[in-house]
Amino acid sequence: MVAVVLGVDSSTQSTKVEARELVTGRVVARGTAPHPPTEPPVSEQDPEAWWSALTDAVSSLGEIRRDVVALSVAGQQHGLVLLDEHGRSVRPAKLWNDTTSAAEAERLVDRLGATRWAQATGSVPVAAFTITKLAWVAANEPASIDRTSMVMLPHDYLTWRLTGQHVTDRGDASGTGWFDPVAGSYNADLLAEAVPGGAPWLERLPTVLAPTAEAGRLGPEAAEHLGLPADVIVGPGTGDNMAAALGLGLQPGDAALSLGTSGTVYSVSATPTMDETGLVAGFASASGAFLPLACTLNATKVTDTVAAWLGTDAPGLATLAAEADGDSGGVVLVPYFDGERTPNLPHATGLFQGLRTTTTRQQLALAAHDGVLCGLLDGLDALLAVGVNLDGHLNLIGGGARSSAYRQRCADLTGRAIYLPDADEAVAAGAAVQAAAVVERGDVADVATAWGLGVGQVAEPNPGAEGATVRAAYARARPSA
């Protein structure tokens, strides 16, 4: 028997599972299963769908399941899961890209001030954060609040289904808006702002585990559903961005630019950040350090949409963009199709600017890719503004990193070499790294190094690429918060 660990990526769109050999990190099997689609501004899913998808994805791995010794779950950040005393969902989970709590976010910031929020949690809450969603439920569905016995994040829910333990990790907890990543503790006063009335909310929250602590062992019912041995160790899990940092083996100075349903840019830092502008979230990492992060709501879904408008698909749009040869003809796309988080414009819409009767499909395709990337690179600038060291590698990951257009334009717009790690699924890889560290009682960085994670191809900027000009045009076109 060759021992195997599983890394689970439970995202907005699907559950992906990666099986890796414990010692070498070699991928031996992969499985995936879809989640129900969502349509912001109301973005909700039944947590039971995540469990069904996890079951289907793991079941598809086949006989390799008998060799599994540990697993960890990485999940989409910020989602609000409310369970009653019987462990049933009180209501569908509100996801990170549900912007219906924009008014609650504004109220919470107005009451305490952005500076106090940044000092208390490292971040200023926006509609994406869990605390604003809890405040929305309290204001609009008080009966749901009355029935709530346990509050969880999406990855917490799956860990609970696997082990029966109500636990979380500091990385994912730092995205709630009620956790202090420096002190490593919950803040009851902030919870009281979200849900007035003096109820004992702290006892409804999960216990925060250390980065490589064991959450528990796989329960008999879960083992039967998944076809796994009953003694499988389950790690604490974490948020998807924190897991991706593990899967990339990020070092201080490195940054990851992730193109998925959302766009994120983040770096590993030995010291915390506190940005009262709200552009940078001062998250904790899954390794015991910190993970300053900026997030945009609009990424590959934008280029998928523009591709459909032009009668093609994502690869076809990338081909059209390449045919533009770096010239968008003055067309700029502000990609706020589903509102925006960075900057905080939850009710914004998208905008094409500079259209003429001579505008070509190729120029529209290039502008679509540039708009998404410019929004993400604004986040990179925000990290620099709060003192994050970004002298290392710039890594492009996520589904969009497979696009030749995104790869080349990212290099062109930054004027820097862009590293393209081999890990197709950095989130699942990071969850597997954590699982291996837990079972071996080791360090996540040592596992990532031993597995050779974070290496791959490099995209160089084209000579004469006018990235600064493109970004300046985008800055003039976009609205401010």
Protein backbone atom coordinates (compact mmCIF):
# COMPACT_ATOMS: atom_id res chain seq x y z
CA MET A 1 0.00 0.00 0.00
CA VAL A 2 1.19 3.52 -0.90
CA ALA A 3 -0.37 6.00 1.51
CA VAL A 4 -2.54 8.65 -0.14
CA VAL A 5 -3.94 11.99 1.06
CA LEU A 6 -6.95 13.84 -0.37
CA GLY A 7 -7.19 17.58 -0.92
CA VAL A 8 -10.73 18.91 -1.35
CA ASP A 9 -11.59 22.20 -3.08
CA SER A 10 -15.24 23.08 -2.45
CA SER A 11 -15.70 26.20 -4.56
CA THR A 12 -18.71 28.19 -5.72
CA GLN A 13 -19.07 26.14 -8.89
CA SER A 14 -17.95 22.63 -7.95
CA THR A 15 -16.15 20.25 -5.65
CA LYS A 16 -12.76 19.04 -6.85
CA VAL A 17 -10.80 16.30 -5.12
CA GLU A 18 -7.13 15.54 -5.70
CA ALA A 19 -5.51 12.32 -4.47
CA ARG A 20 -1.75 12.56 -3.93
CA GLU A 21 0.84 10.11 -2.68
CA LEU A 22 1.78 11.08 0.87
CA VAL A 23 5.55 10.98 0.41
CA THR A 24 6.08 12.19 -3.16
CA GLY A 25 3.01 14.36 -3.70
CA ARG A 26 2.38 12.69 -7.06
CA VAL A 27 -1.21 13.07 -8.23
CA VAL A 28 -2.76 9.63 -8.58
CA ALA A 29 -6.42 10.51 -9.14
CA ARG A 30 -8.81 13.42 -9.49
CA GLY A 31 -12.57 13.74 -9.16
CA THR A 32 -15.07 16.55 -9.61
CA ALA A 33 -18.79 17.21 -9.24
CA PRO A 34 -20.80 20.40 -9.90
CA HIS A 35 -22.63 22.69 -7.48
CA PRO A 36 -25.93 24.41 -8.29
CA PRO A 37 -25.37 27.65 -10.25
CA THR A 38 -25.94 30.99 -8.56
CA GLU A 39 -26.97 34.37 -9.93
CA PRO A 40 -25.77 37.38 -7.90
CA PRO A 41 -26.82 39.67 -6.33
CA VAL A 42 -28.67 36.84 -4.53
CA SER A 43 -26.18 33.97 -4.38
CA GLU A 44 -27.24 31.05 -2.18
CA GLN A 45 -26.71 27.30 -2.11
CA ASP A 46 -28.01 24.45 0.02
CA PRO A 47 -25.05 23.07 2.04
CA GLU A 48 -26.40 19.59 1.42
CA ALA A 49 -25.44 20.10 -2.25
CA TRP A 50 -21.80 20.48 -1.20
CA TRP A 51 -21.93 17.19 0.68
CA SER A 52 -23.54 15.43 -2.30
CA ALA A 53 -20.86 16.85 -4.60
CA LEU A 54 -18.09 15.77 -2.22
CA THR A 55 -19.55 12.27 -2.10
CA ASP A 56 -19.74 12.06 -5.89
CA ALA A 57 -16.24 13.47 -6.42
CA VAL A 58 -14.60 11.13 -3.90
CA SER A 59 -16.57 8.12 -5.17
CA SER A 60 -15.20 8.73 -8.66
CA LEU A 61 -11.64 8.16 -7.42
CA GLY A 62 -12.14 4.40 -7.50
CA GLU A 63 -9.98 1.83 -5.73
CA ILE A 64 -7.36 4.38 -4.65
CA ARG A 65 -9.77 5.31 -1.85
CA ARG A 66 -8.71 2.29 0.20
CA ASP A 67 -5.19 3.79 0.54
CA VAL A 68 -6.33 7.18 1.89
CA VAL A 69 -4.91 8.06 5.30
CA ALA A 70 -5.88 11.74 5.63
CA LEU A 71 -7.85 14.52 3.98
CA SER A 72 -8.49 18.23 4.37
CA VAL A 73 -11.16 20.52 2.97
CA ALA A 74 -10.59 23.98 1.52
CA GLY A 75 -13.77 25.93 0.89
CA GLN A 76 -15.05 29.15 -0.62
CA GLN A 77 -14.54 31.92 1.92
CA HIS A 78 -17.15 34.03 3.73
CA GLY A 79 -20.26 31.88 3.16
CA LEU A 80 -22.74 31.85 6.04
CA VAL A 81 -24.04 28.42 7.13
CA LEU A 82 -26.66 28.33 9.90
CA LEU A 83 -27.68 25.00 11.46
CA ASP A 84 -30.36 24.23 14.03
CA GLU A 85 -29.99 22.03 17.10
CA HIS A 86 -30.57 18.93 14.96
CA GLY A 87 -27.83 19.85 12.48
CA ARG A 88 -30.24 20.88 9.74
CA SER A 89 -29.78 24.02 7.66
CA VAL A 90 -31.94 26.86 8.90
CA ARG A 91 -31.85 28.44 5.44
CA PRO A 92 -29.70 28.24 2.29
CA ALA A 93 -26.13 29.40 2.80
CA LYS A 94 -25.39 32.93 1.65
CA LEU A 95 -22.20 32.87 -0.42
CA TRP A 96 -19.31 35.31 -0.72
CA ASN A 97 -20.69 36.84 -3.94
CA ASP A 98 -24.14 37.52 -2.48
CA THR A 99 -24.27 41.32 -2.27
CA THR A 100 -27.70 41.71 -0.67
CA SER A 101 -26.04 42.66 2.63
CA ALA A 102 -24.44 45.83 1.21
CA ALA A 103 -26.65 48.03 3.42
CA GLU A 104 -25.69 46.04 6.52
CA ALA A 105 -22.00 46.37 5.64
CA GLU A 106 -22.41 50.14 5.34
CA ARG A 107 -24.26 50.30 8.66
CA LEU A 108 -21.62 48.29 10.50
CA VAL A 109 -18.79 50.44 9.19
CA ASP A 110 -20.69 53.66 9.92
CA ARG A 111 -21.36 52.60 13.52
CA LEU A 112 -17.80 51.70 14.48
CA GLY A 113 -15.68 53.39 11.84
CA ALA A 114 -13.34 51.81 9.31
CA THR A 115 -10.29 52.32 11.53
CA ARG A 116 -11.74 50.34 14.43
CA TRP A 117 -12.75 47.47 12.15
CA ALA A 118 -9.28 47.36 10.60
CA GLN A 119 -7.64 47.37 14.03
CA ALA A 120 -9.96 44.69 15.39
CA THR A 121 -10.00 42.27 12.45
CA GLY A 122 -7.40 43.45 9.94
CA SER A 123 -10.21 44.20 7.46
CA VAL A 124 -13.14 46.53 6.84
CA PRO A 125 -16.34 44.55 6.21
CA VAL A 126 -17.99 44.68 2.81
CA ALA A 127 -21.01 42.78 1.51
CA ALA A 128 -18.85 39.70 0.88
CA PHE A 129 -17.95 39.24 4.56
CA THR A 130 -19.78 36.73 6.75
CA ILE A 131 -20.63 39.25 9.46
CA THR A 132 -22.66 41.36 7.05
CA LYS A 133 -24.63 38.29 5.96
CA LEU A 134 -25.37 37.40 9.57
CA ALA A 135 -26.55 40.97 10.11
CA TRP A 136 -28.80 40.69 7.03
CA VAL A 137 -30.40 37.49 8.31
CA ALA A 138 -30.91 39.08 11.74
CA ALA A 139 -32.60 42.10 10.18
CA ASN A 140 -34.70 40.25 7.61
CA GLU A 141 -35.29 36.75 9.02
CA PRO A 142 -35.27 36.95 12.83
CA ALA A 143 -36.97 33.54 13.03
CA SER A 144 -33.92 32.01 11.31
CA ILE A 145 -31.67 33.59 13.93
CA ASP A 146 -33.83 32.20 16.71
CA ARG A 147 -33.47 28.68 15.32
CA THR A 148 -29.69 28.87 14.87
CA SER A 149 -27.58 26.62 17.08
CA MET A 150 -24.32 26.54 15.07
CA VAL A 151 -22.68 29.08 12.76
CA MET A 152 -20.23 27.77 10.17
CA LEU A 153 -18.29 28.62 7.05
CA PRO A 154 -18.61 26.30 4.02
CA HIS A 155 -15.40 24.38 4.78
CA ASP A 156 -16.43 24.09 8.44
CA TYR A 157 -19.69 22.48 7.36
CA LEU A 158 -17.96 19.79 5.34
CA THR A 159 -15.45 19.12 8.13
CA TRP A 160 -18.42 18.76 10.50
CA ARG A 161 -20.12 16.30 8.13
CA LEU A 162 -16.90 14.30 7.95
CA THR A 163 -16.06 14.23 11.67
CA GLY A 164 -18.99 15.57 13.70
CA GLN A 165 -16.65 18.26 15.07
CA HIS A 166 -17.61 21.95 15.03
CA VAL A 167 -14.18 23.39 14.19
CA THR A 168 -12.45 25.82 11.85
CA ASP A 169 -8.98 27.28 11.24
CA ARG A 170 -7.60 30.79 11.71
CA GLY A 171 -7.24 31.38 7.96
CA ASP A 172 -10.90 30.96 7.06
CA ALA A 173 -12.05 32.44 10.38
CA SER A 174 -10.19 35.66 9.53
CA GLY A 175 -12.65 36.29 6.69
CA THR A 176 -15.72 36.38 8.90
CA GLY A 177 -15.42 39.90 10.30
CA TRP A 178 -15.63 38.72 13.91
CA PHE A 179 -12.15 37.16 14.31
CA ASP A 180 -8.91 38.91 15.26
CA PRO A 181 -6.09 37.26 13.24
CA VAL A 182 -3.40 38.78 15.45
CA ALA A 183 -4.86 37.75 18.82
CA GLY A 184 -6.29 34.55 17.34
CA SER A 185 -9.67 35.00 19.02
CA TYR A 186 -13.29 35.92 18.35
CA ASN A 187 -14.67 39.38 19.14
CA ALA A 188 -18.01 39.22 20.93
CA ASP A 189 -18.53 43.00 20.64
CA LEU A 190 -18.45 42.84 16.85
CA LEU A 191 -20.95 39.98 16.82
CA ALA A 192 -23.22 42.05 19.04
CA GLU A 193 -23.14 44.80 16.41
CA ALA A 194 -24.33 42.32 13.80
CA VAL A 195 -26.97 40.63 15.96
CA PRO A 196 -28.18 42.94 18.75
CA GLY A 197 -29.93 41.44 21.74
CA GLY A 198 -27.24 39.94 23.92
CA ALA A 199 -27.56 36.30 22.78
CA PRO A 200 -24.47 34.12 23.52
CA TRP A 201 -23.11 33.95 19.98
CA LEU A 202 -19.59 32.85 20.86
CA GLU A 203 -20.82 29.41 21.90
CA ARG A 204 -22.38 28.97 18.47
CA LEU A 205 -19.06 29.46 16.66
CA PRO A 206 -16.56 26.70 15.79
CA THR A 207 -13.41 26.06 17.80
CA VAL A 208 -10.36 27.50 16.03
CA LEU A 209 -7.67 24.86 15.48
CA ALA A 210 -3.94 25.28 14.96
CA PRO A 211 -2.67 25.01 11.34
CA THR A 212 -1.80 21.31 11.49
CA ALA A 213 -4.09 20.15 14.30
CA GLU A 214 -6.26 17.11 13.75
CA ALA A 215 -9.95 18.00 13.44
CA GLY A 216 -10.96 14.41 14.09
CA ARG A 217 -11.36 11.04 12.43
CA LEU A 218 -13.78 10.18 9.67
CA GLY A 219 -17.11 9.13 11.17
CA PRO A 220 -18.62 5.72 10.27
CA GLU A 221 -21.52 7.20 8.27
CA ALA A 222 -19.24 9.54 6.33
CA ALA A 223 -16.76 6.71 5.67
CA GLU A 224 -19.54 4.57 4.25
CA HIS A 225 -20.85 7.36 2.01
CA LEU A 226 -17.38 8.18 0.68
CA GLY A 227 -16.01 4.66 0.46
CA LEU A 228 -13.02 5.56 2.65
CA PRO A 229 -11.42 3.78 5.62
CA ALA A 230 -13.04 4.72 8.93
CA ASP A 231 -9.78 5.80 10.57
CA VAL A 232 -8.92 8.52 8.01
CA ILE A 233 -7.51 11.64 9.72
CA VAL A 234 -9.24 14.91 8.86
CA GLY A 235 -7.26 18.15 8.98
CA PRO A 236 -8.63 21.51 10.11
CA GLY A 237 -9.19 22.69 6.55
CA THR A 238 -9.08 26.35 5.54
CA GLY A 239 -10.33 28.94 3.06
CA ASP A 240 -9.68 28.49 -0.63
CA ASN A 241 -7.19 31.33 -0.95
CA MET A 242 -5.24 30.17 2.10
CA ALA A 243 -5.08 26.65 0.66
CA ALA A 244 -3.89 27.95 -2.71
CA ALA A 245 -0.98 29.69 -0.97
CA LEU A 246 0.01 26.32 0.51
CA GLY A 247 -0.37 24.60 -2.86
CA LEU A 248 1.90 27.15 -4.51
CA GLY A 249 4.50 27.04 -1.76
CA LEU A 250 4.35 30.86 -1.56
CA GLN A 251 7.22 32.54 0.24
CA PRO A 252 7.29 36.10 1.62
CA GLY A 253 7.64 38.45 -1.35
CA ASP A 254 5.75 36.14 -3.73
CA ALA A 255 2.23 36.97 -4.85
CA ALA A 256 -0.55 34.96 -6.44
CA LEU A 257 -3.01 36.40 -8.93
CA SER A 258 -5.95 34.04 -9.19
CA LEU A 259 -8.47 34.14 -12.02
CA GLY A 260 -11.60 32.16 -11.23
CA THR A 261 -15.22 33.16 -10.72
CA SER A 262 -13.69 35.93 -8.63
CA GLY A 263 -10.26 37.46 -8.96
CA THR A 264 -7.90 37.51 -6.01
CA VAL A 265 -4.39 38.74 -5.41
CA TYR A 266 -2.58 37.86 -2.21
CA SER A 267 0.82 37.37 -0.64
CA VAL A 268 2.27 35.64 2.40
CA SER A 269 3.47 38.07 5.06
CA ALA A 270 5.19 37.51 8.38
CA THR A 271 3.45 40.60 9.78
CA PRO A 272 -0.24 41.58 9.79
CA THR A 273 -1.74 44.35 7.68
CA MET A 274 -4.54 46.74 8.63
CA ASP A 275 -6.04 48.71 5.75
CA GLU A 276 -8.76 51.12 6.82
CA THR A 277 -9.54 51.89 3.16
CA GLY A 278 -10.97 48.38 2.94
CA LEU A 279 -9.13 47.52 -0.28
CA VAL A 280 -6.85 44.96 1.40
CA ALA A 281 -8.24 42.29 3.72
CA GLY A 282 -5.78 41.46 6.48
CA PHE A 283 -6.41 37.73 6.58
CA ALA A 284 -4.48 35.07 8.44
CA SER A 285 -2.77 32.33 6.47
CA ALA A 286 -3.17 28.58 6.90
CA SER A 287 0.47 28.28 7.95
CA GLY A 288 0.52 30.54 11.02
CA ALA A 289 1.48 33.74 9.18
CA PHE A 290 -0.72 36.31 7.42
CA LEU A 291 -2.29 36.56 3.97
CA PRO A 292 -3.07 40.15 2.89
CA LEU A 293 -5.56 39.87 0.04
CA ALA A 294 -7.56 41.98 -2.38
CA CYS A 295 -10.54 40.48 -4.18
CA THR A 296 -12.60 41.41 -7.22
CA LEU A 297 -16.03 39.88 -7.85
CA ASN A 298 -15.60 39.88 -11.62
CA ALA A 299 -13.07 37.67 -13.36
CA THR A 300 -13.46 34.77 -15.81
CA LYS A 301 -17.25 35.00 -15.75
CA VAL A 302 -16.79 38.35 -17.54
CA THR A 303 -14.74 36.94 -20.39
CA ASP A 304 -17.09 33.93 -20.61
CA THR A 305 -19.99 36.37 -21.00
CA VAL A 306 -18.25 38.50 -23.61
CA ALA A 307 -17.27 35.33 -25.47
CA ALA A 308 -20.93 34.29 -25.62
CA TRP A 309 -21.89 37.74 -26.92
CA LEU A 310 -19.35 37.33 -29.70
CA GLY A 311 -20.55 33.83 -30.55
CA THR A 312 -17.50 31.96 -29.29
CA ASP A 313 -16.08 30.36 -26.14
CA ALA A 314 -13.22 31.24 -23.78
CA PRO A 315 -10.45 29.74 -25.98
CA GLY A 316 -12.00 31.42 -29.01
CA LEU A 317 -12.03 34.77 -27.20
CA ALA A 318 -8.35 34.28 -26.30
CA THR A 319 -7.58 33.70 -29.99
CA LEU A 320 -9.46 36.86 -30.94
CA ALA A 321 -7.56 38.83 -28.28
CA ALA A 322 -4.23 37.61 -29.65
CA GLU A 323 -5.26 38.69 -33.16
CA ALA A 324 -5.69 42.26 -31.88
CA ASP A 325 -1.88 42.33 -31.51
CA GLY A 326 -1.98 44.46 -28.36
CA ASP A 327 -4.19 47.18 -29.87
CA SER A 328 -7.67 47.56 -28.36
CA GLY A 329 -8.45 50.57 -30.55
CA GLY A 330 -9.12 52.67 -27.47
CA VAL A 331 -11.84 50.32 -26.18
CA VAL A 332 -11.91 49.91 -22.39
CA LEU A 333 -14.08 47.47 -20.44
CA VAL A 334 -14.91 48.19 -16.81
CA PRO A 335 -15.95 44.65 -15.82
CA TYR A 336 -18.32 45.30 -12.88
CA PHE A 337 -20.96 42.95 -14.30
CA ASP A 338 -22.08 41.67 -10.88
CA GLY A 339 -21.30 44.75 -8.80
CA GLU A 340 -17.82 44.98 -7.31
CA ARG A 341 -16.01 44.37 -4.04
CA THR A 342 -12.69 46.14 -4.78
CA PRO A 343 -13.50 48.97 -5.05
CA ASN A 344 -16.60 48.60 -2.87
CA LEU A 345 -19.36 49.19 -5.44
CA PRO A 346 -21.92 46.42 -4.86
CA HIS A 347 -24.54 47.99 -7.14
CA ALA A 348 -22.21 48.89 -10.04
CA THR A 349 -22.63 47.56 -13.57
CA GLY A 350 -20.23 46.93 -16.43
CA LEU A 351 -19.21 49.54 -18.98
CA PHE A 352 -17.68 49.47 -22.45
CA GLN A 353 -16.05 52.79 -23.32
CA GLY A 354 -14.51 54.01 -26.58
CA LEU A 355 -16.71 52.02 -28.96
CA ARG A 356 -16.76 53.10 -32.61
CA THR A 357 -18.31 51.77 -35.81
CA THR A 358 -14.79 50.57 -36.68
CA THR A 359 -14.36 48.57 -33.45
CA THR A 360 -13.56 44.93 -34.18
CA ARG A 361 -14.37 41.69 -32.42
CA GLN A 362 -10.67 41.30 -31.75
CA GLN A 363 -10.50 44.66 -29.96
CA LEU A 364 -13.55 43.79 -27.83
CA ALA A 365 -11.91 40.49 -26.89
CA LEU A 366 -8.65 42.18 -25.91
CA ALA A 367 -10.48 44.85 -23.89
CA ALA A 368 -12.39 42.14 -22.01
CA HIS A 369 -9.20 40.41 -20.89
CA ASP A 370 -7.51 43.72 -20.07
CA GLY A 371 -10.47 44.95 -18.00
CA VAL A 372 -10.45 41.87 -15.79
CA LEU A 373 -6.68 42.04 -15.33
CA CYS A 374 -6.61 45.79 -14.66
CA GLY A 375 -9.11 45.33 -11.86
CA LEU A 376 -6.94 42.60 -10.37
CA LEU A 377 -3.75 44.63 -10.74
CA ASP A 378 -5.39 47.50 -8.87
CA GLY A 379 -5.53 45.01 -6.01
CA LEU A 380 -1.80 44.34 -6.40
CA ASP A 381 -1.18 48.08 -6.10
CA ALA A 382 -3.30 48.14 -2.95
CA LEU A 383 -1.08 45.46 -1.37
CA LEU A 384 2.00 47.52 -2.17
CA ALA A 385 0.34 50.59 -0.64
CA VAL A 386 -0.01 48.90 2.76
CA GLY A 387 3.63 47.85 2.77
CA VAL A 388 3.47 44.26 1.50
CA ASN A 389 6.74 43.08 -0.03
CA LEU A 390 6.16 41.94 -3.61
CA ASP A 391 9.74 41.55 -4.83
CA GLY A 392 9.39 37.82 -5.46
CA HIS A 393 7.53 35.85 -8.11
CA LEU A 394 4.15 36.85 -9.53
CA ASN A 395 2.19 33.62 -9.97
CA LEU A 396 -0.92 33.38 -12.17
CA ILE A 397 -3.32 30.62 -11.14
CA GLY A 398 -6.97 29.61 -11.39
CA GLY A 399 -9.02 28.58 -14.40
CA GLY A 400 -8.15 31.79 -16.23
CA ALA A 401 -4.44 30.95 -16.03
CA ARG A 402 -5.03 28.31 -18.70
CA SER A 403 -5.92 31.08 -21.16
CA SER A 404 -3.10 32.14 -23.46
CA ALA A 405 -4.55 35.65 -23.59
CA TYR A 406 -4.69 36.07 -19.82
CA ARG A 407 -1.14 34.75 -19.48
CA GLN A 408 0.38 37.07 -22.05
CA ARG A 409 -1.63 40.15 -21.14
CA CYS A 410 -0.80 39.73 -17.45
CA ALA A 411 2.89 39.88 -18.36
CA ASP A 412 2.32 42.79 -20.74
CA LEU A 413 0.33 44.87 -18.25
CA THR A 414 2.74 44.32 -15.34
CA GLY A 415 5.92 44.46 -17.38
CA ARG A 416 7.13 41.49 -15.33
CA ALA A 417 7.70 37.79 -15.82
CA ILE A 418 4.60 35.83 -14.82
CA TYR A 419 5.11 32.39 -13.31
CA LEU A 420 2.63 29.68 -14.26
CA PRO A 421 2.81 26.87 -11.68
CA ASP A 422 2.22 23.33 -12.87
CA ALA A 423 -0.38 22.74 -10.14
CA ASP A 424 -3.65 22.87 -12.09
CA GLU A 425 -5.66 22.98 -8.92
CA ALA A 426 -3.67 24.96 -6.36
CA VAL A 427 -6.52 24.95 -3.83
CA ALA A 428 -6.92 21.17 -3.83
CA ALA A 429 -3.13 20.80 -3.80
CA GLY A 430 -2.90 23.07 -0.75
CA ALA A 431 -5.57 21.11 1.07
CA ALA A 432 -3.60 17.94 0.34
CA VAL A 433 -0.44 19.62 1.67
CA GLN A 434 -2.26 20.36 4.92
CA ALA A 435 -3.56 16.80 5.17
CA ALA A 436 -0.03 15.43 4.70
CA ALA A 437 1.39 17.79 7.34
CA VAL A 438 -1.30 16.74 9.81
CA VAL A 439 -0.75 13.01 9.35
CA GLU A 440 3.05 13.36 9.46
CA ARG A 441 2.97 15.94 12.30
CA GLY A 442 5.18 18.14 10.15
CA ASP A 443 5.26 21.62 8.64
CA VAL A 444 3.22 22.64 5.59
CA ALA A 445 6.18 24.47 4.03
CA ASP A 446 8.34 21.34 4.27
CA VAL A 447 5.64 19.28 2.55
CA ALA A 448 5.26 21.81 -0.28
CA THR A 449 9.03 21.84 -0.81
CA ALA A 450 9.31 18.05 -0.75
CA TRP A 451 6.50 17.80 -3.31
CA GLY A 452 8.14 20.36 -5.62
CA LEU A 453 5.11 22.64 -5.74
CA GLY A 454 5.18 26.09 -7.30
CA VAL A 455 7.35 25.36 -10.35
CA GLY A 456 6.23 25.74 -13.96
CA GLN A 457 6.46 27.85 -17.10
CA VAL A 458 7.11 31.59 -17.36
CA ALA A 459 5.37 34.18 -19.55
CA GLU A 460 7.53 37.18 -20.48
CA PRO A 461 6.16 40.59 -21.49
CA ASN A 462 6.20 41.43 -25.19
CA PRO A 463 8.76 44.06 -26.20
CA GLY A 464 7.04 47.42 -26.58
CA ALA A 465 3.91 46.36 -24.66
CA GLU A 466 2.27 49.52 -23.36
CA GLY A 467 0.90 48.19 -20.12
CA ALA A 468 1.09 51.52 -18.31
CA THR A 469 -0.98 53.20 -21.03
CA VAL A 470 -3.67 50.51 -20.88
CA ARG A 471 -3.88 50.71 -17.11
CA ALA A 472 -4.08 54.51 -17.17
CA ALA A 473 -7.01 54.36 -19.61
CA TYR A 474 -8.74 51.85 -17.36
CA ALA A 475 -8.18 54.05 -14.30
CA ARG A 476 -9.84 56.98 -16.08
CA ALA A 477 -12.84 54.87 -17.09
CA ARG A 478 -13.65 53.12 -13.81
CA PRO A 479 -15.86 54.73 -11.17
CA SER A 480 -14.51 55.24 -7.66
CA ALA A 481 -16.07 53.91 -4.47
